[in-house]
Amino acid sequence: MNSNIIPTAALKPQFTLPADLVNESSPEMRLIGQSRVRDAFKLLGRTHDQHMYLADFSGCNRKYIINALVHTEGVFPNKHLILQDSTTIWLEAEVPSNDTVIATKQAQYQYLSGTVKKHDLIGRYDENTKQYKAGALANCHYLFVCADSIWKRESLWELLLEILDKKEYQVHSSLPALALNCKIILIGSSNQYGHCWLGEPSFSNHFPLLGELINEVDLNEVSLVEYDQWLNCILNDLNLTLDRQARLALFEYSARLADHQQRLSLMSINIEQLLVQASAYAHTRHIDIKAFQHSIDMFNQRHNASEKLSEQNFDDLFISLPTQDEMIGQINGLTVIENAEYSYGEPARITASVHYGDGEVADIERKSELGGNIHAKGMMILSSCLYRIFGKDAPLHLNANIVFEQSYQEIDGDSASLAEYCSLISAISEKPIKQSLAATGAIDQFGNVQAIGGVNEKIEGFFKLCQRRGLTGHQGVIIPCSNMQQLNLKQSVIDAVHQGLFTLYQVKHIDEAAEILMQTPAGTADKDNQFPDDSLYGLVQARLESLAGYQDEDKSFFVRLREKLSFSS
């Protein structure tokens, strides 16, 4: 068996749950894997005049995270803000009868977001009743504030920093300054934290505690049972139940979100929405595997309009991309089209042509201003790799042009480097490439094949095209070996691989990919850096020597006749 062929068992993650699994959980399980955040929040409650920035991510349910954090700190006693000798102080004990209570801190926490106003923060004074209506700063122990909401209100942002500077705030001229006795937690993105840290001189003084939420957990650090308890928190909130098969399918879906076989996503909002939709399709609070899979399929159908249009262009042959026979200097590369909420794979035809020149490998995408900087870097590495193998002793006397055919938008990334290299080798050696195969992978200067993104989408994109045209058993995809841990393919692909109708190959070096695509040994150089004549690189070397004029000139008929008739003395 070819050692490059990927076995069926490696095409998706494998999960097992104990038979006696108990579907119970505690609020603290919402913080699974969040050791950074838990440590920062614990410090927050044990330090003076230090506040916290909570960096979250898209897909995080802030409400549940906030509730879980406060729950870990237990119950706080009521505090009273009293007026004492024209100043205000906070007391936990019983208030003396001769003191005036201005406000009582009763709530453990409050979360402000959206259109936050000044009185939401500091409260207001009613001149008619001569009473103070407490704001969030006086009403709760922990105040969570959406950083983006307060950042947009410049005056409110400056007021917050001023309050933190003075440790008190003025509500009305009839009241003395109110002492600050509240821990403030800003919630926003990591990028916003960096902007605040650099842009606001006093920000680092007031918010030294950073708690950054992670959006996935590693199963080498967290057990599957613990993750299942995190999932139970979501199910309990939604009042839903999952059968065992649906639960395992959800683990696979979560691993797909995390893009790793040994990691599971913590994007709770995405999971919540999918479960609610599955329940709606099933017309019941209990979700089985059929309803869960149907929910995923319908999500894809609602978001794949662009993908369907792309498929139609291939089916109508508006885009030329053969998936059978062999061609010189042409290969099927793989790209990923990413929208805000949905991504899919799309094959791309890459061609290379060579002619006599001064050794330049030209990137037509770059020259036409359709190639990004990373793609340009990949092409430079490709050139360097070519020179490392064939240009050690003398310059290369060829020019090459490489292009993505029928691409009309910007292309970026280095994941096509492996395919571009193989198409170039094919063009030089004039060895045809199997068009039934597609390849993806980045390369370094030493010819090692490196990991790329979107490996599942790329494989599935090419598979769908081959499936619509008819699977022959000769089609397949070459991927980097380092992407094996990202594989989480749809069942249709796995079934085709299992039946021998589609093949996946993993490679570590460019030579392995070239041999699969052109069905010729790459060859090993001898001590004089010469490759065997019948090897792939031997053919490349012979072509390069021909272009350089190193081969002997053809002898005329009369010269050959004279040599044949000559006698030795």
Protein backbone atom coordinates (compact mmCIF):
# COMPACT_ATOMS: atom_id res chain seq x y z
CA MET A 1 0.00 0.00 0.00
CA ASN A 2 1.22 3.50 -0.86
CA SER A 3 2.44 5.09 2.39
CA ASN A 4 1.20 8.48 1.17
CA ILE A 5 -2.43 7.32 1.05
CA ILE A 6 -4.48 8.53 4.02
CA PRO A 7 -6.58 5.74 5.64
CA THR A 8 -10.31 6.21 6.15
CA ALA A 9 -9.99 6.18 9.94
CA ALA A 10 -7.93 9.40 9.84
CA LEU A 11 -10.50 11.46 7.91
CA LYS A 12 -12.44 12.70 10.93
CA PRO A 13 -12.07 12.79 14.74
CA GLN A 14 -13.15 9.80 16.78
CA PHE A 15 -15.05 10.45 20.04
CA THR A 16 -16.28 8.00 22.67
CA LEU A 17 -18.33 8.72 25.78
CA PRO A 18 -18.63 6.51 28.87
CA ALA A 19 -21.80 4.42 29.07
CA ASP A 20 -22.72 5.79 32.52
CA LEU A 21 -22.53 9.45 31.47
CA VAL A 22 -24.55 11.73 33.77
CA ASN A 23 -26.17 14.74 32.08
CA GLU A 24 -25.52 17.18 34.90
CA SER A 25 -23.44 20.32 35.13
CA SER A 26 -22.66 23.35 37.27
CA PRO A 27 -22.39 27.03 36.30
CA GLU A 28 -18.62 26.87 36.79
CA MET A 29 -18.35 24.47 33.86
CA ARG A 30 -19.07 27.43 31.57
CA LEU A 31 -15.51 28.50 32.38
CA ILE A 32 -13.95 25.28 31.14
CA GLY A 33 -10.39 25.94 29.98
CA GLN A 34 -10.58 29.63 31.00
CA SER A 35 -7.77 29.58 33.58
CA ARG A 36 -6.49 33.01 32.51
CA VAL A 37 -9.87 34.63 33.06
CA ARG A 38 -10.53 32.88 36.35
CA ASP A 39 -7.16 33.93 37.74
CA ALA A 40 -7.65 37.56 36.67
CA PHE A 41 -11.15 37.68 38.17
CA LYS A 42 -9.94 36.15 41.41
CA LEU A 43 -7.24 38.81 41.66
CA LEU A 44 -9.82 41.46 40.91
CA GLY A 45 -11.73 40.63 44.09
CA ARG A 46 -8.57 40.62 46.21
CA THR A 47 -6.85 43.82 45.07
CA HIS A 48 -7.59 47.49 45.64
CA ASP A 49 -7.96 50.06 42.86
CA GLN A 50 -7.28 47.50 40.14
CA HIS A 51 -9.88 46.81 37.50
CA MET A 52 -10.13 44.24 34.73
CA TYR A 53 -10.46 43.96 30.96
CA LEU A 54 -12.22 40.83 29.73
CA ALA A 55 -11.23 40.02 26.13
CA ASP A 56 -13.87 37.84 24.50
CA PHE A 57 -14.48 36.57 20.97
CA SER A 58 -17.22 36.39 18.37
CA GLY A 59 -19.61 33.58 19.25
CA CYS A 60 -19.13 33.97 23.01
CA ASN A 61 -22.27 34.34 25.14
CA ARG A 62 -21.26 37.19 27.43
CA LYS A 63 -24.26 36.82 29.72
CA TYR A 64 -23.37 33.26 30.65
CA ILE A 65 -19.66 34.00 31.11
CA ILE A 66 -20.42 36.95 33.40
CA ASN A 67 -22.85 34.91 35.49
CA ALA A 68 -20.35 32.06 35.84
CA LEU A 69 -17.51 34.40 36.88
CA VAL A 70 -19.58 36.08 39.58
CA HIS A 71 -20.85 32.68 40.74
CA THR A 72 -17.27 31.55 41.43
CA GLU A 73 -16.83 34.42 43.90
CA GLY A 74 -19.85 33.49 46.02
CA VAL A 75 -22.43 35.81 47.58
CA PHE A 76 -21.48 39.32 48.65
CA PRO A 77 -22.95 41.09 51.69
CA ASN A 78 -25.00 44.24 51.22
CA LYS A 79 -23.09 47.50 51.52
CA HIS A 80 -24.48 50.89 52.48
CA LEU A 81 -23.28 54.25 51.21
CA ILE A 82 -23.75 56.66 54.11
CA LEU A 83 -23.26 60.36 54.59
CA GLN A 84 -20.89 61.05 57.46
CA ASP A 85 -19.51 64.52 58.24
CA SER A 86 -20.09 65.84 54.71
CA THR A 87 -18.34 62.86 53.18
CA THR A 88 -19.53 59.46 51.96
CA ILE A 89 -18.24 56.08 53.06
CA TRP A 90 -19.28 52.48 52.44
CA LEU A 91 -20.24 50.24 55.38
CA GLU A 92 -21.04 46.53 55.48
CA ALA A 93 -22.17 46.59 59.11
CA GLU A 94 -25.47 47.87 60.41
CA VAL A 95 -25.84 51.59 59.78
CA PRO A 96 -25.81 53.83 62.88
CA SER A 97 -29.17 55.51 63.46
CA ASN A 98 -27.75 59.02 63.17
CA ASP A 99 -26.27 58.47 59.71
CA THR A 100 -28.04 59.00 56.38
CA VAL A 101 -28.11 56.12 53.90
CA ILE A 102 -27.65 57.41 50.35
CA ALA A 103 -27.59 54.06 48.53
CA THR A 104 -27.47 50.35 49.22
CA LYS A 105 -25.39 47.98 47.13
CA GLN A 106 -27.69 45.03 46.65
CA ALA A 107 -26.90 43.51 43.23
CA GLN A 108 -23.87 41.29 42.77
CA TYR A 109 -23.31 42.53 39.24
CA GLN A 110 -24.74 44.54 36.38
CA TYR A 111 -23.95 44.59 32.66
CA LEU A 112 -24.20 47.80 30.63
CA SER A 113 -24.19 47.70 26.84
CA GLY A 114 -25.79 49.38 23.87
CA THR A 115 -26.72 53.04 24.36
CA VAL A 116 -25.13 53.68 27.76
CA LYS A 117 -25.97 57.05 29.30
CA LYS A 118 -24.35 59.04 32.07
CA HIS A 119 -27.12 58.40 34.60
CA ASP A 120 -26.87 54.63 33.93
CA LEU A 121 -23.36 54.85 35.30
CA ILE A 122 -23.52 57.35 38.18
CA GLY A 123 -27.26 57.69 38.82
CA ARG A 124 -29.29 60.89 39.17
CA TYR A 125 -30.58 63.24 41.84
CA ASP A 126 -34.31 64.03 41.92
CA GLU A 127 -34.67 67.65 42.99
CA ASN A 128 -38.40 67.21 43.65
CA THR A 129 -38.05 64.35 46.12
CA LYS A 130 -34.53 65.33 47.18
CA GLN A 131 -33.49 61.71 46.76
CA TYR A 132 -30.62 60.04 44.96
CA LYS A 133 -31.45 57.27 42.52
CA ALA A 134 -28.37 55.06 42.40
CA GLY A 135 -26.60 54.20 39.18
CA ALA A 136 -24.71 51.03 38.40
CA LEU A 137 -21.56 52.17 40.26
CA ALA A 138 -23.47 52.43 43.52
CA ASN A 139 -25.88 49.57 42.95
CA CYS A 140 -23.60 46.54 42.34
CA HIS A 141 -20.33 44.96 43.43
CA TYR A 142 -19.14 44.18 39.90
CA LEU A 143 -19.96 46.38 36.93
CA PHE A 144 -19.44 44.81 33.50
CA VAL A 145 -19.40 47.37 30.67
CA CYS A 146 -19.28 46.73 26.93
CA ALA A 147 -16.03 48.45 25.92
CA ASP A 148 -17.30 49.22 22.44
CA SER A 149 -20.46 50.89 23.77
CA ILE A 150 -18.60 53.24 26.12
CA TRP A 151 -15.70 53.79 23.71
CA LYS A 152 -18.09 55.30 21.17
CA ARG A 153 -19.30 57.82 23.75
CA GLU A 154 -16.17 59.90 24.14
CA SER A 155 -17.57 62.03 26.98
CA LEU A 156 -18.66 58.94 28.90
CA TRP A 157 -15.29 57.26 28.34
CA GLU A 158 -13.50 60.32 29.74
CA LEU A 159 -15.91 60.41 32.68
CA LEU A 160 -15.14 56.77 33.53
CA LEU A 161 -11.39 57.40 33.48
CA GLU A 162 -11.87 60.51 35.62
CA ILE A 163 -13.88 58.53 38.18
CA LEU A 164 -11.15 55.90 38.33
CA ASP A 165 -8.51 58.61 38.76
CA LYS A 166 -10.33 60.36 41.63
CA LYS A 167 -11.94 57.21 43.09
CA GLU A 168 -15.14 59.20 43.50
CA TYR A 169 -17.75 60.89 41.36
CA GLN A 170 -20.05 63.90 41.61
CA VAL A 171 -23.73 63.42 40.87
CA HIS A 172 -25.26 66.73 41.94
CA SER A 173 -24.27 69.89 43.77
CA SER A 174 -26.67 68.97 46.57
CA LEU A 175 -24.71 65.79 47.24
CA PRO A 176 -21.09 65.37 48.24
CA ALA A 177 -18.80 63.36 45.99
CA LEU A 178 -19.72 59.67 46.20
CA ALA A 179 -16.93 57.24 47.02
CA LEU A 180 -16.23 54.58 44.39
CA ASN A 181 -16.64 51.07 45.74
CA CYS A 182 -17.20 48.95 42.65
CA LYS A 183 -15.02 46.75 40.51
CA ILE A 184 -15.25 47.61 36.81
CA ILE A 185 -14.78 45.01 34.08
CA LEU A 186 -14.64 46.22 30.49
CA ILE A 187 -15.57 43.59 27.90
CA GLY A 188 -14.31 43.85 24.34
CA SER A 189 -11.87 42.46 21.82
CA SER A 190 -8.16 41.88 22.33
CA ASN A 191 -7.42 44.45 19.61
CA GLN A 192 -9.41 47.08 21.46
CA TYR A 193 -7.48 46.37 24.63
CA GLY A 194 -4.24 47.01 22.74
CA HIS A 195 -5.57 50.29 21.32
CA CYS A 196 -6.64 51.46 24.77
CA TRP A 197 -3.34 50.43 26.32
CA LEU A 198 -1.35 52.42 23.76
CA GLY A 199 -3.76 55.31 23.27
CA GLU A 200 -4.82 56.12 26.84
CA PRO A 201 -1.96 56.96 29.25
CA SER A 202 -4.03 56.17 32.35
CA PHE A 203 -5.66 53.00 30.98
CA SER A 204 -2.83 50.69 32.03
CA ASN A 205 -2.96 52.09 35.57
CA HIS A 206 -6.63 51.34 36.00
CA PHE A 207 -6.96 48.08 34.02
CA PRO A 208 -3.83 46.04 34.73
CA LEU A 209 -5.79 42.79 34.91
CA LEU A 210 -6.38 41.15 31.54
CA GLY A 211 -8.51 38.03 31.24
CA GLU A 212 -8.54 36.68 27.69
CA LEU A 213 -11.16 34.07 26.83
CA ILE A 214 -10.10 31.19 24.61
CA ASN A 215 -12.51 30.04 21.90
CA GLU A 216 -11.54 26.35 21.96
CA VAL A 217 -10.24 23.71 24.33
CA ASP A 218 -7.59 21.05 23.76
CA LEU A 219 -8.67 17.49 24.59
CA ASN A 220 -5.15 16.83 25.86
CA GLU A 221 -5.87 19.32 28.64
CA VAL A 222 -9.63 18.97 29.11
CA SER A 223 -11.50 15.66 29.08
CA LEU A 224 -14.40 14.94 26.77
CA VAL A 225 -16.61 14.41 29.84
CA GLU A 226 -15.79 17.92 31.07
CA TYR A 227 -16.64 19.36 27.68
CA ASP A 228 -19.87 17.39 27.76
CA GLN A 229 -20.71 19.12 31.05
CA TRP A 230 -20.06 22.49 29.39
CA LEU A 231 -22.48 21.42 26.67
CA ASN A 232 -25.04 20.46 29.32
CA CYS A 233 -25.01 24.07 30.55
CA ILE A 234 -26.21 25.16 27.11
CA LEU A 235 -28.80 22.40 26.89
CA ASN A 236 -30.18 23.23 30.34
CA ASP A 237 -30.52 26.91 29.44
CA LEU A 238 -32.37 26.02 26.26
CA ASN A 239 -34.41 23.27 27.97
CA LEU A 240 -33.29 20.77 25.31
CA THR A 241 -31.99 17.21 25.38
CA LEU A 242 -29.73 15.32 22.99
CA ASP A 243 -29.58 11.61 22.32
CA ARG A 244 -26.18 9.92 22.36
CA GLN A 245 -25.63 9.84 18.60
CA ALA A 246 -26.61 13.49 18.22
CA ARG A 247 -24.23 14.39 21.04
CA LEU A 248 -21.34 12.66 19.28
CA ALA A 249 -22.31 14.42 16.03
CA LEU A 250 -22.24 17.73 17.90
CA PHE A 251 -18.70 16.95 19.07
CA GLU A 252 -17.69 16.47 15.43
CA TYR A 253 -19.39 19.74 14.51
CA SER A 254 -17.57 21.47 17.36
CA ALA A 255 -14.23 20.04 16.19
CA ARG A 256 -15.01 21.36 12.71
CA LEU A 257 -15.57 24.82 14.19
CA ALA A 258 -12.21 24.54 15.96
CA ASP A 259 -10.61 23.16 12.77
CA HIS A 260 -8.76 20.46 14.68
CA GLN A 261 -9.39 16.82 15.56
CA GLN A 262 -8.21 17.24 19.15
CA ARG A 263 -9.81 20.61 19.89
CA LEU A 264 -13.43 21.55 20.53
CA SER A 265 -15.03 24.93 20.04
CA LEU A 266 -16.37 27.13 22.84
CA MET A 267 -18.38 29.30 20.45
CA SER A 268 -21.55 28.81 22.48
CA ILE A 269 -23.76 31.13 20.43
CA ASN A 270 -23.15 29.13 17.23
CA ILE A 271 -23.96 25.90 19.04
CA GLU A 272 -27.04 27.38 20.74
CA GLN A 273 -28.45 28.62 17.44
CA LEU A 274 -27.91 25.27 15.74
CA LEU A 275 -29.58 23.37 18.58
CA VAL A 276 -32.60 25.68 18.61
CA GLN A 277 -32.97 25.24 14.85
CA ALA A 278 -32.70 21.45 15.19
CA SER A 279 -35.41 21.50 17.84
CA ALA A 280 -37.64 23.59 15.57
CA TYR A 281 -37.16 21.15 12.69
CA ALA A 282 -37.87 18.18 14.97
CA HIS A 283 -40.93 19.84 16.61
CA THR A 284 -39.73 18.52 19.96
CA ARG A 285 -37.38 19.45 22.81
CA HIS A 286 -35.49 16.18 22.28
CA ILE A 287 -33.00 16.24 19.40
CA ASP A 288 -31.92 13.06 17.66
CA ILE A 289 -29.14 12.56 15.12
CA LYS A 290 -31.49 12.99 12.17
CA ALA A 291 -32.77 16.38 13.34
CA PHE A 292 -29.28 17.58 14.22
CA GLN A 293 -27.80 16.62 10.84
CA HIS A 294 -30.80 18.15 9.07
CA SER A 295 -30.15 21.41 10.91
CA ILE A 296 -26.55 21.47 9.68
CA ASP A 297 -27.59 20.64 6.12
CA MET A 298 -30.22 23.39 6.08
CA PHE A 299 -27.76 25.92 7.49
CA ASN A 300 -25.41 25.14 4.62
CA GLN A 301 -28.25 25.40 2.13
CA ARG A 302 -29.26 28.84 3.41
CA HIS A 303 -25.73 30.17 3.08
CA ASN A 304 -24.34 28.43 -0.03
CA ALA A 305 -25.84 30.58 -2.81
CA SER A 306 -22.38 31.75 -3.89
CA GLU A 307 -21.07 28.18 -3.83
CA LYS A 308 -23.93 26.95 -6.00
CA LEU A 309 -23.26 29.68 -8.56
CA SER A 310 -19.60 28.63 -8.64
CA GLU A 311 -20.57 24.99 -9.16
CA GLN A 312 -22.86 25.96 -12.02
CA ASN A 313 -19.99 27.79 -13.75
CA PHE A 314 -17.92 24.61 -13.60
CA ASP A 315 -20.80 22.41 -14.75
CA ASP A 316 -21.58 24.71 -17.69
CA LEU A 317 -17.87 24.69 -18.62
CA PHE A 318 -17.68 28.46 -18.27
CA ILE A 319 -14.64 27.65 -16.16
CA SER A 320 -12.31 25.11 -17.74
CA LEU A 321 -10.92 22.60 -15.27
CA PRO A 322 -10.37 19.02 -16.49
CA THR A 323 -10.56 16.15 -14.00
CA GLN A 324 -9.30 13.39 -16.27
CA ASP A 325 -6.43 12.66 -18.68
CA GLU A 326 -2.95 14.22 -18.41
CA MET A 327 -1.54 17.60 -19.40
CA ILE A 328 1.90 19.19 -19.40
CA GLY A 329 2.39 22.28 -17.24
CA GLN A 330 -1.15 22.26 -15.85
CA ILE A 331 -2.43 21.27 -12.41
CA ASN A 332 -5.56 21.61 -10.31
CA GLY A 333 -4.95 23.85 -7.33
CA LEU A 334 -7.39 24.44 -4.46
CA THR A 335 -8.66 27.70 -3.01
CA VAL A 336 -11.08 28.69 -0.25
CA ILE A 337 -13.73 31.37 -0.70
CA GLU A 338 -14.53 32.93 2.67
CA ASN A 339 -17.66 34.92 3.42
CA ALA A 340 -18.49 36.40 6.79
CA GLU A 341 -20.35 33.31 7.99
CA TYR A 342 -19.64 30.61 5.41
CA SER A 343 -16.66 29.29 3.50
CA TYR A 344 -16.28 26.73 0.73
CA GLY A 345 -13.60 25.24 -1.46
CA GLU A 346 -13.18 26.01 -5.13
CA PRO A 347 -10.69 24.31 -7.49
CA ALA A 348 -8.47 26.52 -9.64
CA ARG A 349 -6.54 25.66 -12.81
CA ILE A 350 -2.86 26.64 -12.56
CA THR A 351 -0.64 26.62 -15.64
CA ALA A 352 3.07 27.17 -16.23
CA SER A 353 5.01 27.86 -19.41
CA VAL A 354 8.78 28.05 -19.89
CA HIS A 355 11.11 29.50 -22.49
CA TYR A 356 14.70 30.63 -22.85
CA GLY A 357 15.56 33.52 -20.60
CA ASP A 358 17.57 34.82 -17.67
CA GLY A 359 16.14 32.68 -14.88
CA GLU A 360 13.05 34.66 -13.83
CA VAL A 361 9.97 32.83 -12.56
CA ALA A 362 7.26 35.40 -13.26
CA ASP A 363 4.06 35.61 -11.24
CA ILE A 364 1.41 36.84 -13.68
CA GLU A 365 -1.04 37.38 -10.80
CA ARG A 366 1.42 39.79 -9.19
CA LYS A 367 2.21 41.57 -12.42
CA SER A 368 -1.48 42.09 -13.13
CA GLU A 369 -1.95 43.34 -9.54
CA LEU A 370 -4.25 40.44 -8.71
CA GLY A 371 -1.81 38.69 -6.37
CA GLY A 372 -1.34 39.59 -2.71
CA ASN A 373 1.90 39.95 -0.80
CA ILE A 374 1.79 36.49 0.76
CA HIS A 375 1.22 34.90 -2.65
CA ALA A 376 4.19 36.88 -4.00
CA LYS A 377 6.30 35.61 -1.10
CA GLY A 378 5.28 32.04 -1.94
CA MET A 379 6.41 32.53 -5.54
CA MET A 380 9.78 33.83 -4.37
CA ILE A 381 10.22 30.78 -2.15
CA LEU A 382 9.29 28.58 -5.11
CA SER A 383 12.02 30.24 -7.20
CA SER A 384 14.51 29.81 -4.40
CA CYS A 385 13.62 26.12 -4.09
CA LEU A 386 14.11 25.63 -7.85
CA TYR A 387 17.52 27.31 -7.74
CA ARG A 388 18.54 25.24 -4.71
CA ILE A 389 18.04 22.02 -6.69
CA PHE A 390 19.14 23.00 -10.20
CA GLY A 391 21.09 26.25 -9.93
CA LYS A 392 23.92 25.39 -7.57
CA ASP A 393 26.68 25.50 -10.16
CA ALA A 394 25.35 27.75 -12.91
CA PRO A 395 22.49 30.19 -13.55
CA LEU A 396 19.26 28.91 -15.02
CA HIS A 397 18.71 29.96 -18.62
CA LEU A 398 14.94 29.89 -18.66
CA ASN A 399 12.04 32.15 -17.91
CA ALA A 400 8.77 30.80 -16.57
CA ASN A 401 5.28 32.23 -16.29
CA ILE A 402 2.81 30.87 -13.75
CA VAL A 403 -0.84 31.92 -13.57
CA PHE A 404 -4.23 31.05 -12.07
CA GLU A 405 -6.36 30.66 -15.16
CA GLN A 406 -9.75 32.40 -15.29
CA SER A 407 -9.27 34.20 -11.98
CA TYR A 408 -10.66 37.71 -11.95
CA GLN A 409 -10.20 38.73 -8.34
CA GLU A 410 -7.26 39.07 -5.98
CA ILE A 411 -5.54 35.88 -4.92
CA ASP A 412 -3.48 35.72 -1.75
CA GLY A 413 -1.84 33.12 0.42
CA ASP A 414 0.97 30.65 -0.19
CA SER A 415 -1.10 27.45 -0.16
CA ALA A 416 -0.78 27.09 -3.95
CA SER A 417 3.04 26.97 -3.82
CA LEU A 418 3.19 23.18 -4.03
CA ALA A 419 0.84 23.04 -7.03
CA GLU A 420 2.71 25.88 -8.76
CA TYR A 421 6.04 24.12 -8.23
CA CYS A 422 4.74 20.86 -9.68
CA SER A 423 3.25 22.61 -12.72
CA LEU A 424 6.59 24.32 -13.32
CA ILE A 425 8.51 21.04 -13.07
CA SER A 426 6.03 19.49 -15.50
CA ALA A 427 6.50 22.34 -17.97
CA ILE A 428 10.30 22.05 -17.84
CA SER A 429 10.51 18.26 -17.96
CA GLU A 430 7.54 17.96 -20.35
CA LYS A 431 6.12 15.20 -18.16
CA PRO A 432 2.31 15.40 -17.99
CA ILE A 433 0.36 15.79 -14.72
CA LYS A 434 -2.68 13.68 -13.87
CA GLN A 435 -5.64 16.05 -14.06
CA SER A 436 -7.70 13.75 -11.85
CA LEU A 437 -5.65 14.93 -8.87
CA ALA A 438 -5.56 18.29 -7.10
CA ALA A 439 -2.86 19.54 -4.77
CA THR A 440 -2.58 22.09 -1.99
CA GLY A 441 0.30 23.00 0.28
CA ALA A 442 2.87 25.67 1.05
CA ILE A 443 6.58 24.96 0.64
CA ASP A 444 9.80 26.24 2.17
CA GLN A 445 13.18 26.78 0.50
CA PHE A 446 14.23 23.21 1.30
CA GLY A 447 11.22 21.65 -0.38
CA ASN A 448 9.32 20.72 2.76
CA VAL A 449 5.55 20.89 2.39
CA GLN A 450 3.92 23.02 5.08
CA ALA A 451 0.41 23.28 6.49
CA ILE A 452 -2.34 25.37 4.92
CA GLY A 453 -5.75 26.61 6.02
CA GLY A 454 -9.20 25.41 5.01
CA VAL A 455 -8.07 21.88 4.20
CA ASN A 456 -11.55 20.35 4.68
CA GLU A 457 -13.25 22.92 2.46
CA LYS A 458 -10.60 22.47 -0.24
CA ILE A 459 -10.92 18.69 -0.31
CA GLU A 460 -14.71 18.84 -0.32
CA GLY A 461 -14.76 21.45 -3.07
CA PHE A 462 -12.76 19.25 -5.45
CA PHE A 463 -14.65 16.13 -4.37
CA LYS A 464 -18.03 17.71 -5.20
CA LEU A 465 -16.80 18.62 -8.68
CA CYS A 466 -15.56 15.07 -9.29
CA GLN A 467 -18.74 13.60 -7.83
CA ARG A 468 -20.93 15.62 -10.18
CA ARG A 469 -18.84 14.45 -13.13
CA GLY A 470 -18.73 10.88 -11.88
CA LEU A 471 -16.23 9.29 -9.52
CA THR A 472 -13.77 7.03 -11.36
CA GLY A 473 -11.50 5.82 -8.56
CA HIS A 474 -8.58 7.79 -10.00
CA GLN A 475 -9.48 11.18 -8.51
CA GLY A 476 -8.03 12.53 -5.31
CA VAL A 477 -6.30 15.33 -3.44
CA ILE A 478 -2.75 15.80 -2.17
CA ILE A 479 -2.44 17.65 1.16
CA PRO A 480 0.44 18.41 3.55
CA CYS A 481 1.10 15.74 6.17
CA SER A 482 0.92 18.44 8.86
CA ASN A 483 -2.76 19.02 8.00
CA MET A 484 -3.77 15.48 8.98
CA GLN A 485 -4.89 16.68 12.43
CA GLN A 486 -7.32 19.14 10.80
CA LEU A 487 -9.21 16.52 8.81
CA ASN A 488 -12.92 16.46 9.60
CA LEU A 489 -14.60 15.60 6.33
CA LYS A 490 -18.24 15.13 5.42
CA GLN A 491 -19.53 11.58 5.42
CA SER A 492 -19.98 11.54 1.63
CA VAL A 493 -16.22 12.04 1.17
CA ILE A 494 -15.38 9.40 3.76
CA ASP A 495 -17.72 6.88 2.13
CA ALA A 496 -16.14 7.50 -1.29
CA VAL A 497 -12.64 7.03 0.14
CA HIS A 498 -13.73 3.85 1.90
CA GLN A 499 -15.14 2.48 -1.38
CA GLY A 500 -11.95 3.31 -3.28
CA LEU A 501 -13.66 5.93 -5.45
CA PHE A 502 -11.59 8.87 -4.15
CA THR A 503 -8.09 8.97 -2.69
CA LEU A 504 -6.39 11.37 -0.31
CA TYR A 505 -2.61 11.60 -0.17
CA GLN A 506 -0.40 13.23 2.45
CA VAL A 507 3.11 14.42 1.60
CA LYS A 508 5.99 15.89 3.54
CA HIS A 509 8.23 16.93 0.62
CA ILE A 510 7.73 18.32 -2.87
CA ASP A 511 9.39 15.26 -4.39
CA GLU A 512 6.61 13.00 -3.05
CA ALA A 513 3.92 15.19 -4.61
CA ALA A 514 5.73 15.40 -7.93
CA GLU A 515 6.08 11.61 -8.09
CA ILE A 516 2.36 11.08 -7.40
CA LEU A 517 1.28 13.66 -9.95
CA MET A 518 3.68 12.70 -12.74
CA GLN A 519 4.16 9.02 -11.90
CA THR A 520 7.91 9.24 -12.29
CA PRO A 521 10.60 8.95 -9.58
CA ALA A 522 12.02 12.37 -8.71
CA GLY A 523 15.56 10.99 -8.59
CA THR A 524 18.50 11.46 -6.25
CA ALA A 525 21.52 13.55 -7.19
CA ASP A 526 24.99 11.98 -7.15
CA LYS A 527 28.15 13.61 -5.78
CA ASP A 528 28.40 15.74 -8.92
CA ASN A 529 24.80 16.92 -8.46
CA GLN A 530 23.66 14.95 -11.49
CA PHE A 531 20.30 13.16 -11.49
CA PRO A 532 19.60 9.86 -13.31
CA ASP A 533 18.61 10.44 -16.93
CA ASP A 534 15.28 8.62 -16.61
CA SER A 535 14.24 10.42 -13.40
CA LEU A 536 11.94 13.44 -13.28
CA TYR A 537 14.71 15.76 -12.13
CA GLY A 538 17.04 14.20 -14.69
CA LEU A 539 14.63 15.32 -17.41
CA VAL A 540 14.48 18.78 -15.85
CA GLN A 541 18.25 18.94 -15.71
CA ALA A 542 18.59 17.86 -19.34
CA ARG A 543 16.12 20.52 -20.45
CA LEU A 544 17.92 23.22 -18.49
CA GLU A 545 21.27 22.16 -19.97
CA SER A 546 19.72 22.26 -23.42
CA LEU A 547 18.49 25.81 -22.86
CA ALA A 548 21.95 26.78 -21.61
CA GLY A 549 23.63 25.29 -24.70
CA TYR A 550 25.67 22.76 -22.70
CA GLN A 551 24.69 19.75 -24.80
CA ASP A 552 26.87 18.75 -27.72
CA GLU A 553 25.80 20.23 -31.03
CA ASP A 554 24.38 17.76 -33.56
CA LYS A 555 27.12 16.53 -35.88
CA SER A 556 26.63 16.79 -39.61
CA PHE A 557 26.28 13.72 -41.86
CA PHE A 558 29.79 14.15 -43.30
CA VAL A 559 31.40 14.44 -39.87
CA ARG A 560 29.65 11.28 -38.67
CA LEU A 561 30.67 9.45 -41.93
CA ARG A 562 34.31 10.50 -41.58
CA GLU A 563 34.41 9.28 -37.96
CA LYS A 564 32.91 5.98 -39.02
CA LEU A 565 35.42 5.40 -41.85
CA SER A 566 38.50 6.62 -40.01
CA PHE A 567 41.15 4.07 -39.05
CA SER A 568 43.33 4.20 -36.02
CA SER A 569 47.02 4.52 -36.65
